[in-house]
Amino acid sequence: MTLAQVLTRYSEEISPQKRGSVSEVARLNAIMRRPIAFRTLATLTSADLSSYREARLKEVAPASVIRELNLISHAIDTARKDWGVYLPE
């Protein structure tokens, strides 16, 4: 399962229930256009996230990057805990 698949499901099932769903879905769509979205969860590393962070810091404010990273983290946690997606340790 790729990060894009997780983010797509998250945007369809979880985001609409939130108060700021419009901006969150827009943020998710922006993340899904990045190369990191095509990594599988099994091969996603902290180095990938660091590269993503550094690239985004050149484009947007640090607060925006923090929001995006928190969103990615929550989507992965939701996939693992609620949807039963297995992530190798």
C-alpha atoms as a PDB file:
ATOM      1  CA  MET A   1       0.000   0.000   0.000  1.00  0.00           C
ATOM      2  CA  THR A   2       1.396   3.400  -0.954  1.00  0.00           C
ATOM      3  CA  LEU A   3       1.213   6.581   1.055  1.00  0.00           C
ATOM      4  CA  ALA A   4      -1.039   8.036  -1.661  1.00  0.00           C
ATOM      5  CA  GLN A   5      -3.543   5.207  -1.148  1.00  0.00           C
ATOM      6  CA  VAL A   6      -3.605   5.850   2.589  1.00  0.00           C
ATOM      7  CA  LEU A   7      -3.998   9.602   2.094  1.00  0.00           C
ATOM      8  CA  THR A   8      -6.790   9.082  -0.438  1.00  0.00           C
ATOM      9  CA  ARG A   9      -8.742   6.854   1.914  1.00  0.00           C
ATOM     10  CA  TYR A  10      -8.089   9.261   4.781  1.00  0.00           C
ATOM     11  CA  SER A  11      -9.400  12.190   2.719  1.00  0.00           C
ATOM     12  CA  GLU A  12     -12.553  10.236   1.834  1.00  0.00           C
ATOM     13  CA  GLU A  13     -13.346   8.719   5.229  1.00  0.00           C
ATOM     14  CA  ILE A  14     -11.801  10.849   7.978  1.00  0.00           C
ATOM     15  CA  SER A  15     -11.363  14.393   6.681  1.00  0.00           C
ATOM     16  CA  PRO A  16     -15.054  15.076   5.882  1.00  0.00           C
ATOM     17  CA  GLN A  17     -15.885  14.610   9.578  1.00  0.00           C
ATOM     18  CA  LYS A  18     -13.555  17.432  10.601  1.00  0.00           C
ATOM     19  CA  ARG A  19     -14.358  21.104  10.924  1.00  0.00           C
ATOM     20  CA  GLY A  20     -11.500  22.190   8.633  1.00  0.00           C
ATOM     21  CA  SER A  21     -12.108  19.474   6.074  1.00  0.00           C
ATOM     22  CA  VAL A  22     -11.836  21.688   2.981  1.00  0.00           C
ATOM     23  CA  SER A  23      -8.333  22.887   3.810  1.00  0.00           C
ATOM     24  CA  GLU A  24      -7.267  19.447   5.014  1.00  0.00           C
ATOM     25  CA  VAL A  25      -8.363  17.782   1.777  1.00  0.00           C
ATOM     26  CA  ALA A  26      -6.528  20.458  -0.204  1.00  0.00           C
ATOM     27  CA  ARG A  27      -3.408  19.801   1.878  1.00  0.00           C
ATOM     28  CA  LEU A  28      -3.748  16.030   1.320  1.00  0.00           C
ATOM     29  CA  ASN A  29      -4.104  16.535  -2.433  1.00  0.00           C
ATOM     30  CA  ALA A  30      -0.950  18.664  -2.451  1.00  0.00           C
ATOM     31  CA  ILE A  31       0.987  15.974  -0.568  1.00  0.00           C
ATOM     32  CA  MET A  32      -0.243  13.320  -3.014  1.00  0.00           C
ATOM     33  CA  ARG A  33       1.353  15.215  -5.907  1.00  0.00           C
ATOM     34  CA  ARG A  34       4.800  14.846  -4.304  1.00  0.00           C
ATOM     35  CA  PRO A  35       7.178  11.920  -4.953  1.00  0.00           C
ATOM     36  CA  ILE A  36       6.877  10.781  -1.310  1.00  0.00           C
ATOM     37  CA  ALA A  37       3.273   9.763  -1.985  1.00  0.00           C
ATOM     38  CA  PHE A  38       4.394   6.978  -4.296  1.00  0.00           C
ATOM     39  CA  ARG A  39       6.499   5.258  -1.645  1.00  0.00           C
ATOM     40  CA  THR A  40       5.017   2.145  -0.115  1.00  0.00           C
ATOM     41  CA  LEU A  41       4.459   2.254   3.615  1.00  0.00           C
ATOM     42  CA  ALA A  42       6.830  -0.673   4.022  1.00  0.00           C
ATOM     43  CA  THR A  43       9.671   1.248   2.383  1.00  0.00           C
ATOM     44  CA  LEU A  44       8.907   4.721   3.742  1.00  0.00           C
ATOM     45  CA  THR A  45      11.813   5.858   5.905  1.00  0.00           C
ATOM     46  CA  SER A  46      12.598   8.773   8.157  1.00  0.00           C
ATOM     47  CA  ALA A  47      15.069   9.903   5.490  1.00  0.00           C
ATOM     48  CA  ASP A  48      12.167  10.194   3.028  1.00  0.00           C
ATOM     49  CA  LEU A  49      10.270  12.360   5.483  1.00  0.00           C
ATOM     50  CA  SER A  50      13.359  14.484   6.146  1.00  0.00           C
ATOM     51  CA  SER A  51      13.854  15.044   2.428  1.00  0.00           C
ATOM     52  CA  TYR A  52      10.201  15.981   2.089  1.00  0.00           C
ATOM     53  CA  ARG A  53      10.488  18.380   5.023  1.00  0.00           C
ATOM     54  CA  GLU A  54      13.593  20.081   3.658  1.00  0.00           C
ATOM     55  CA  ALA A  55      12.084  20.485   0.196  1.00  0.00           C
ATOM     56  CA  ARG A  56       8.852  21.924   1.596  1.00  0.00           C
ATOM     57  CA  LEU A  57      10.678  24.347   3.892  1.00  0.00           C
ATOM     58  CA  LYS A  58      12.093  25.997   0.766  1.00  0.00           C
ATOM     59  CA  GLU A  59       8.542  26.604  -0.506  1.00  0.00           C
ATOM     60  CA  VAL A  60       6.269  27.230   2.484  1.00  0.00           C
ATOM     61  CA  ALA A  61       6.346  28.426   6.079  1.00  0.00           C
ATOM     62  CA  PRO A  62       7.554  26.058   8.821  1.00  0.00           C
ATOM     63  CA  ALA A  63       4.055  25.954  10.340  1.00  0.00           C
ATOM     64  CA  SER A  64       2.667  24.592   7.066  1.00  0.00           C
ATOM     65  CA  VAL A  65       5.306  21.866   6.973  1.00  0.00           C
ATOM     66  CA  ILE A  66       4.488  20.893  10.558  1.00  0.00           C
ATOM     67  CA  ARG A  67       0.795  20.627   9.659  1.00  0.00           C
ATOM     68  CA  GLU A  68       1.600  18.454   6.656  1.00  0.00           C
ATOM     69  CA  LEU A  69       3.882  16.139   8.630  1.00  0.00           C
ATOM     70  CA  ASN A  70       1.290  15.834  11.403  1.00  0.00           C
ATOM     71  CA  LEU A  71      -1.337  14.995   8.805  1.00  0.00           C
ATOM     72  CA  ILE A  72       0.863  12.302   7.256  1.00  0.00           C
ATOM     73  CA  SER A  73       1.554  10.886  10.712  1.00  0.00           C
ATOM     74  CA  HIS A  74      -2.118  10.800  11.672  1.00  0.00           C
ATOM     75  CA  ALA A  75      -3.100   9.182   8.372  1.00  0.00           C
ATOM     76  CA  ILE A  76      -0.502   6.436   8.856  1.00  0.00           C
ATOM     77  CA  ASP A  77      -1.578   5.904  12.483  1.00  0.00           C
ATOM     78  CA  THR A  78      -5.212   5.670  11.400  1.00  0.00           C
ATOM     79  CA  ALA A  79      -4.317   3.149   8.704  1.00  0.00           C
ATOM     80  CA  ARG A  80      -2.386   1.064  11.188  1.00  0.00           C
ATOM     81  CA  LYS A  81      -4.805   1.197  14.125  1.00  0.00           C
ATOM     82  CA  ASP A  82      -8.249   1.495  12.540  1.00  0.00           C
ATOM     83  CA  TRP A  83      -7.869  -0.073   9.106  1.00  0.00           C
ATOM     84  CA  GLY A  84      -5.524  -2.915  10.065  1.00  0.00           C
ATOM     85  CA  VAL A  85      -2.730  -1.947   7.680  1.00  0.00           C
ATOM     86  CA  TYR A  86       0.361  -3.859   8.705  1.00  0.00           C
ATOM     87  CA  LEU A  87       3.609  -1.912   8.891  1.00  0.00           C
ATOM     88  CA  PRO A  88       6.799  -3.911   9.338  1.00  0.00           C
ATOM     89  CA  GLU A  89       8.984  -2.689  12.186  1.00  0.00           C
END
